[in-house]
Full PDB file with SEQRES, HELIX, SHEET, SSBOND, CRYST1, ORIGX, SCALE, CONECT and MASTER records, all heavy atoms in Angstrom:
SEQRES   1 A   28  HIS LEU VAL HIS GLU SER GLY PHE VAL TRP HIS GLY ALA          
SEQRES   2 A   28  ALA SER PRO SER GLY VAL THR LEU GLN ALA PRO GLU GLY          
SEQRES   3 A   28  PRO CYS                                                      
SHEET    1 AA1 2 LEU A   2  VAL A   3  0                                        
SHEET    2 AA1 2 VAL A   9  TRP A  10 -1                                        
CRYST1    1.000    1.000    1.000  90.00  90.00  90.00 P 1           1          
ORIGX1      1.000000  0.000000  0.000000        0.00000                         
ORIGX2      0.000000  1.000000  0.000000        0.00000                         
ORIGX3      0.000000  0.000000  1.000000        0.00000                         
SCALE1      1.000000  0.000000  0.000000        0.00000                         
SCALE2      0.000000  1.000000  0.000000        0.00000                         
SCALE3      0.000000  0.000000  1.000000        0.00000                         
ATOM      1  N   HIS A   1     102.845  87.711 114.688  1.00  0.00           N  
ATOM      2  CA  HIS A   1     103.832  86.799 114.114  1.00  0.00           C  
ATOM      3  C   HIS A   1     104.079  87.235 112.679  1.00  0.00           C  
ATOM      4  O   HIS A   1     103.142  87.386 111.900  1.00  0.00           O  
ATOM      5  CB  HIS A   1     103.324  85.360 114.153  1.00  0.00           C  
ATOM      6  CG  HIS A   1     103.047  84.894 115.547  1.00  0.00           C  
ATOM      7  ND1 HIS A   1     103.936  84.143 116.255  1.00  0.00           N  
ATOM      8  CD2 HIS A   1     101.991  85.104 116.364  1.00  0.00           C  
ATOM      9  CE1 HIS A   1     103.437  83.900 117.448  1.00  0.00           C  
ATOM     10  NE2 HIS A   1     102.251  84.475 117.541  1.00  0.00           N  
ATOM     11  N   LEU A   2     105.346  87.443 112.331  1.00  0.00           N  
ATOM     12  CA  LEU A   2     105.737  87.856 110.986  1.00  0.00           C  
ATOM     13  C   LEU A   2     106.567  86.747 110.363  1.00  0.00           C  
ATOM     14  O   LEU A   2     107.486  86.218 110.994  1.00  0.00           O  
ATOM     15  CB  LEU A   2     106.554  89.147 111.050  1.00  0.00           C  
ATOM     16  CG  LEU A   2     107.093  89.682 109.731  1.00  0.00           C  
ATOM     17  CD1 LEU A   2     107.041  91.195 109.717  1.00  0.00           C  
ATOM     18  CD2 LEU A   2     108.491  89.214 109.440  1.00  0.00           C  
ATOM     19  N   VAL A   3     106.242  86.386 109.129  1.00  0.00           N  
ATOM     20  CA  VAL A   3     107.048  85.435 108.356  1.00  0.00           C  
ATOM     21  C   VAL A   3     107.373  86.117 107.036  1.00  0.00           C  
ATOM     22  O   VAL A   3     106.476  86.453 106.266  1.00  0.00           O  
ATOM     23  CB  VAL A   3     106.300  84.101 108.111  1.00  0.00           C  
ATOM     24  CG1 VAL A   3     107.152  83.165 107.265  1.00  0.00           C  
ATOM     25  CG2 VAL A   3     105.925  83.455 109.426  1.00  0.00           C  
ATOM     26  N   HIS A   4     108.654  86.331 106.791  1.00  0.00           N  
ATOM     27  CA  HIS A   4     109.121  87.018 105.584  1.00  0.00           C  
ATOM     28  C   HIS A   4     109.482  85.995 104.523  1.00  0.00           C  
ATOM     29  O   HIS A   4     109.839  84.867 104.837  1.00  0.00           O  
ATOM     30  CB  HIS A   4     110.340  87.881 105.941  1.00  0.00           C  
ATOM     31  CG  HIS A   4     110.747  88.831 104.874  1.00  0.00           C  
ATOM     32  ND1 HIS A   4     111.622  88.483 103.879  1.00  0.00           N  
ATOM     33  CD2 HIS A   4     110.374  90.109 104.637  1.00  0.00           C  
ATOM     34  CE1 HIS A   4     111.801  89.531 103.076  1.00  0.00           C  
ATOM     35  NE2 HIS A   4     111.049  90.525 103.518  1.00  0.00           N  
ATOM     36  N   GLU A   5     109.402  86.395 103.260  1.00  0.00           N  
ATOM     37  CA  GLU A   5     109.718  85.466 102.172  1.00  0.00           C  
ATOM     38  C   GLU A   5     111.161  84.974 102.214  1.00  0.00           C  
ATOM     39  O   GLU A   5     111.467  83.916 101.679  1.00  0.00           O  
ATOM     40  CB  GLU A   5     109.430  86.110 100.805  1.00  0.00           C  
ATOM     41  CG  GLU A   5     110.426  87.176 100.398  1.00  0.00           C  
ATOM     42  CD  GLU A   5     110.273  87.608  98.957  1.00  0.00           C  
ATOM     43  OE1 GLU A   5     109.463  87.036  98.219  1.00  0.00           O  
ATOM     44  OE2 GLU A   5     110.983  88.534  98.563  1.00  0.00           O  
ATOM     45  N   SER A   6     112.039  85.733 102.865  1.00  0.00           N  
ATOM     46  CA  SER A   6     113.445  85.340 102.954  1.00  0.00           C  
ATOM     47  C   SER A   6     113.674  84.255 104.001  1.00  0.00           C  
ATOM     48  O   SER A   6     114.772  83.720 104.110  1.00  0.00           O  
ATOM     49  CB  SER A   6     114.297  86.559 103.318  1.00  0.00           C  
ATOM     50  OG  SER A   6     114.001  86.982 104.642  1.00  0.00           O  
ATOM     51  N   GLY A   7     112.635  83.954 104.796  1.00  0.00           N  
ATOM     52  CA  GLY A   7     112.788  82.978 105.866  1.00  0.00           C  
ATOM     53  C   GLY A   7     112.906  83.621 107.231  1.00  0.00           C  
ATOM     54  O   GLY A   7     112.877  82.942 108.251  1.00  0.00           O  
ATOM     55  N   PHE A   8     113.040  84.945 107.267  1.00  0.00           N  
ATOM     56  CA  PHE A   8     113.105  85.673 108.533  1.00  0.00           C  
ATOM     57  C   PHE A   8     111.778  85.510 109.265  1.00  0.00           C  
ATOM     58  O   PHE A   8     110.715  85.639 108.672  1.00  0.00           O  
ATOM     59  CB  PHE A   8     113.395  87.155 108.278  1.00  0.00           C  
ATOM     60  CG  PHE A   8     113.368  88.016 109.503  1.00  0.00           C  
ATOM     61  CD1 PHE A   8     114.436  88.036 110.369  1.00  0.00           C  
ATOM     62  CD2 PHE A   8     112.259  88.803 109.787  1.00  0.00           C  
ATOM     63  CE1 PHE A   8     114.413  88.834 111.506  1.00  0.00           C  
ATOM     64  CE2 PHE A   8     112.218  89.601 110.912  1.00  0.00           C  
ATOM     65  CZ  PHE A   8     113.300  89.621 111.775  1.00  0.00           C  
ATOM     66  N   VAL A   9     111.841  85.199 110.558  1.00  0.00           N  
ATOM     67  CA  VAL A   9     110.644  85.014 111.383  1.00  0.00           C  
ATOM     68  C   VAL A   9     110.775  85.889 112.615  1.00  0.00           C  
ATOM     69  O   VAL A   9     111.848  85.978 113.211  1.00  0.00           O  
ATOM     70  CB  VAL A   9     110.503  83.529 111.807  1.00  0.00           C  
ATOM     71  CG1 VAL A   9     109.317  83.347 112.731  1.00  0.00           C  
ATOM     72  CG2 VAL A   9     110.367  82.637 110.589  1.00  0.00           C  
ATOM     73  N   TRP A  10     109.687  86.542 112.980  1.00  0.00           N  
ATOM     74  CA  TRP A  10     109.666  87.388 114.171  1.00  0.00           C  
ATOM     75  C   TRP A  10     108.306  87.255 114.834  1.00  0.00           C  
ATOM     76  O   TRP A  10     107.294  87.103 114.152  1.00  0.00           O  
ATOM     77  CB  TRP A  10     109.909  88.844 113.778  1.00  0.00           C  
ATOM     78  CG  TRP A  10     109.844  89.802 114.925  1.00  0.00           C  
ATOM     79  CD1 TRP A  10     110.870  90.163 115.744  1.00  0.00           C  
ATOM     80  CD2 TRP A  10     108.697  90.521 115.389  1.00  0.00           C  
ATOM     81  NE1 TRP A  10     110.426  91.055 116.685  1.00  0.00           N  
ATOM     82  CE2 TRP A  10     109.088  91.293 116.488  1.00  0.00           C  
ATOM     83  CE3 TRP A  10     107.361  90.570 114.988  1.00  0.00           C  
ATOM     84  CZ2 TRP A  10     108.223  92.115 117.186  1.00  0.00           C  
ATOM     85  CZ3 TRP A  10     106.488  91.385 115.683  1.00  0.00           C  
ATOM     86  CH2 TRP A  10     106.917  92.156 116.757  1.00  0.00           C  
ATOM     87  N   HIS A  11     108.288  87.294 116.154  1.00  0.00           N  
ATOM     88  CA  HIS A  11     107.023  87.388 116.872  1.00  0.00           C  
ATOM     89  C   HIS A  11     107.240  88.165 118.150  1.00  0.00           C  
ATOM     90  O   HIS A  11     108.330  88.156 118.729  1.00  0.00           O  
ATOM     91  CB  HIS A  11     106.385  86.022 117.145  1.00  0.00           C  
ATOM     92  CG  HIS A  11     107.209  85.113 117.986  1.00  0.00           C  
ATOM     93  ND1 HIS A  11     107.178  85.130 119.350  1.00  0.00           N  
ATOM     94  CD2 HIS A  11     108.094  84.156 117.651  1.00  0.00           C  
ATOM     95  CE1 HIS A  11     108.008  84.218 119.828  1.00  0.00           C  
ATOM     96  NE2 HIS A  11     108.576  83.614 118.811  1.00  0.00           N  
ATOM     97  N   GLY A  12     106.204  88.892 118.549  1.00  0.00           N  
ATOM     98  CA  GLY A  12     106.311  89.693 119.756  1.00  0.00           C  
ATOM     99  C   GLY A  12     104.953  90.153 120.239  1.00  0.00           C  
ATOM    100  O   GLY A  12     103.946  90.053 119.532  1.00  0.00           O  
ATOM    101  N   ALA A  13     104.947  90.666 121.446  1.00  0.00           N  
ATOM    102  CA  ALA A  13     103.716  91.158 122.053  1.00  0.00           C  
ATOM    103  C   ALA A  13     103.301  92.460 121.382  1.00  0.00           C  
ATOM    104  O   ALA A  13     104.134  93.275 120.998  1.00  0.00           O  
ATOM    105  CB  ALA A  13     103.929  91.379 123.543  1.00  0.00           C  
ATOM    106  N   ALA A  14     102.000  92.630 121.254  1.00  0.00           N  
ATOM    107  CA  ALA A  14     101.453  93.833 120.639  1.00  0.00           C  
ATOM    108  C   ALA A  14     100.712  94.649 121.686  1.00  0.00           C  
ATOM    109  O   ALA A  14     100.054  94.091 122.563  1.00  0.00           O  
ATOM    110  CB  ALA A  14     100.503  93.464 119.506  1.00  0.00           C  
ATOM    111  N   SER A  15     100.829  95.956 121.588  1.00  0.00           N  
ATOM    112  CA  SER A  15     100.017  96.820 122.445  1.00  0.00           C  
ATOM    113  C   SER A  15      98.619  96.866 121.836  1.00  0.00           C  
ATOM    114  O   SER A  15      98.423  96.463 120.688  1.00  0.00           O  
ATOM    115  CB  SER A  15     100.641  98.217 122.502  1.00  0.00           C  
ATOM    116  OG  SER A  15     100.469  98.883 121.278  1.00  0.00           O  
ATOM    117  N   PRO A  16      97.628  97.361 122.559  1.00  0.00           N  
ATOM    118  CA  PRO A  16      96.282  97.426 121.995  1.00  0.00           C  
ATOM    119  C   PRO A  16      96.189  98.256 120.714  1.00  0.00           C  
ATOM    120  O   PRO A  16      95.354  97.989 119.859  1.00  0.00           O  
ATOM    121  CB  PRO A  16      95.456  98.055 123.119  1.00  0.00           C  
ATOM    122  CG  PRO A  16      96.174  97.657 124.368  1.00  0.00           C  
ATOM    123  CD  PRO A  16      97.629  97.689 123.994  1.00  0.00           C  
ATOM    124  N   SER A  17      97.081  99.245 120.568  1.00  0.00           N  
ATOM    125  CA  SER A  17      97.007 100.104 119.386  1.00  0.00           C  
ATOM    126  C   SER A  17      97.852  99.624 118.211  1.00  0.00           C  
ATOM    127  O   SER A  17      97.646 100.058 117.087  1.00  0.00           O  
ATOM    128  CB  SER A  17      97.424 101.523 119.749  1.00  0.00           C  
ATOM    129  OG  SER A  17      98.742 101.527 120.256  1.00  0.00           O  
ATOM    130  N   GLY A  18      98.811  98.726 118.449  1.00  0.00           N  
ATOM    131  CA  GLY A  18      99.637  98.241 117.346  1.00  0.00           C  
ATOM    132  C   GLY A  18     100.986  97.738 117.808  1.00  0.00           C  
ATOM    133  O   GLY A  18     101.218  97.516 118.993  1.00  0.00           O  
ATOM    134  N   VAL A  19     101.900  97.600 116.851  1.00  0.00           N  
ATOM    135  CA  VAL A  19     103.220  97.053 117.146  1.00  0.00           C  
ATOM    136  C   VAL A  19     104.244  97.660 116.185  1.00  0.00           C  
ATOM    137  O   VAL A  19     103.929  97.956 115.039  1.00  0.00           O  
ATOM    138  CB  VAL A  19     103.204  95.508 117.033  1.00  0.00           C  
ATOM    139  CG1 VAL A  19     102.900  95.060 115.622  1.00  0.00           C  
ATOM    140  CG2 VAL A  19     104.499  94.893 117.513  1.00  0.00           C  
ATOM    141  N   THR A  20     105.451  97.870 116.683  1.00  0.00           N  
ATOM    142  CA  THR A  20     106.568  98.293 115.842  1.00  0.00           C  
ATOM    143  C   THR A  20     107.425  97.071 115.584  1.00  0.00           C  
ATOM    144  O   THR A  20     107.766  96.331 116.505  1.00  0.00           O  
ATOM    145  CB  THR A  20     107.409  99.378 116.535  1.00  0.00           C  
ATOM    146  OG1 THR A  20     106.575 100.502 116.802  1.00  0.00           O  
ATOM    147  CG2 THR A  20     108.582  99.799 115.663  1.00  0.00           C  
ATOM    148  N   LEU A  21     107.760  96.835 114.317  1.00  0.00           N  
ATOM    149  CA  LEU A  21     108.582  95.679 113.990  1.00  0.00           C  
ATOM    150  C   LEU A  21     109.679  96.062 113.013  1.00  0.00           C  
ATOM    151  O   LEU A  21     109.587  97.079 112.337  1.00  0.00           O  
ATOM    152  CB  LEU A  21     107.718  94.546 113.430  1.00  0.00           C  
ATOM    153  CG  LEU A  21     106.771  94.871 112.275  1.00  0.00           C  
ATOM    154  CD1 LEU A  21     107.461  94.667 110.939  1.00  0.00           C  
ATOM    155  CD2 LEU A  21     105.552  93.995 112.378  1.00  0.00           C  
ATOM    156  N   GLN A  22     110.713  95.264 113.004  1.00  0.00           N  
ATOM    157  CA  GLN A  22     111.830  95.447 112.082  1.00  0.00           C  
ATOM    158  C   GLN A  22     112.018  94.155 111.307  1.00  0.00           C  
ATOM    159  O   GLN A  22     112.099  93.084 111.889  1.00  0.00           O  
ATOM    160  CB  GLN A  22     113.118  95.786 112.834  1.00  0.00           C  
ATOM    161  CG  GLN A  22     113.086  97.131 113.507  1.00  0.00           C  
ATOM    162  CD  GLN A  22     114.390  97.425 114.231  1.00  0.00           C  
ATOM    163  OE1 GLN A  22     115.135  96.522 114.580  1.00  0.00           O  
ATOM    164  NE2 GLN A  22     114.660  98.693 114.446  1.00  0.00           N  
ATOM    165  N   ALA A  23     112.082  94.291 109.990  1.00  0.00           N  
ATOM    166  CA  ALA A  23     112.233  93.126 109.122  1.00  0.00           C  
ATOM    167  C   ALA A  23     112.854  93.578 107.807  1.00  0.00           C  
ATOM    168  O   ALA A  23     112.867  94.770 107.500  1.00  0.00           O  
ATOM    169  CB  ALA A  23     110.880  92.475 108.882  1.00  0.00           C  
ATOM    170  N   PRO A  24     113.345  92.644 107.008  1.00  0.00           N  
ATOM    171  CA  PRO A  24     113.900  93.007 105.705  1.00  0.00           C  
ATOM    172  C   PRO A  24     112.804  93.539 104.778  1.00  0.00           C  
ATOM    173  O   PRO A  24     111.622  93.252 104.964  1.00  0.00           O  
ATOM    174  CB  PRO A  24     114.455  91.692 105.157  1.00  0.00           C  
ATOM    175  CG  PRO A  24     114.375  90.701 106.239  1.00  0.00           C  
ATOM    176  CD  PRO A  24     113.454  91.219 107.278  1.00  0.00           C  
ATOM    177  N   GLU A  25     113.211  94.293 103.783  1.00  0.00           N  
ATOM    178  CA  GLU A  25     112.265  94.758 102.767  1.00  0.00           C  
ATOM    179  C   GLU A  25     111.732  93.561 101.994  1.00  0.00           C  
ATOM    180  O   GLU A  25     112.427  92.571 101.807  1.00  0.00           O  
ATOM    181  CB  GLU A  25     112.938  95.725 101.796  1.00  0.00           C  
ATOM    182  CG  GLU A  25     113.202  97.093 102.388  1.00  0.00           C  
ATOM    183  CD  GLU A  25     113.675  98.070 101.342  1.00  0.00           C  
ATOM    184  OE1 GLU A  25     114.877  98.066 101.062  1.00  0.00           O  
ATOM    185  OE2 GLU A  25     112.840  98.823 100.810  1.00  0.00           O  
ATOM    186  N   GLY A  26     110.487  93.669 101.547  1.00  0.00           N  
ATOM    187  CA  GLY A  26     109.906  92.631 100.727  1.00  0.00           C  
ATOM    188  C   GLY A  26     108.622  92.074 101.314  1.00  0.00           C  
ATOM    189  O   GLY A  26     108.172  92.488 102.380  1.00  0.00           O  
ATOM    190  N   PRO A  27     108.008  91.110 100.622  1.00  0.00           N  
ATOM    191  CA  PRO A  27     106.728  90.544 101.051  1.00  0.00           C  
ATOM    192  C   PRO A  27     106.835  89.727 102.342  1.00  0.00           C  
ATOM    193  O   PRO A  27     107.832  89.047 102.577  1.00  0.00           O  
ATOM    194  CB  PRO A  27     106.320  89.634  99.899  1.00  0.00           C  
ATOM    195  CG  PRO A  27     107.176  90.033  98.752  1.00  0.00           C  
ATOM    196  CD  PRO A  27     108.424  90.605  99.316  1.00  0.00           C  
ATOM    197  N   CYS A  28     105.782  89.822 103.151  1.00  0.00           N  
ATOM    198  CA  CYS A  28     105.709  89.046 104.379  1.00  0.00           C  
ATOM    199  C   CYS A  28     104.243  88.845 104.748  1.00  0.00           C  
ATOM    200  O   CYS A  28     103.357  89.481 104.184  1.00  0.00           O  
ATOM    201  CB  CYS A  28     106.460  89.722 105.516  1.00  0.00           C  
ATOM    202  SG  CYS A  28     105.737  91.274 106.035  1.00  0.00           S  
TER     203      CYS A  28                                                      
MASTER        0    0    0    0    2    0    0    6  202    1    0    3          
END                                                                             
């Protein structure tokens, strides 16, 4: 689950080794 300072929220399934995500630049 990703929560970005801009209010953008994303969540998705992760593989055992990791996850690829797309989000705006900045703190999250």
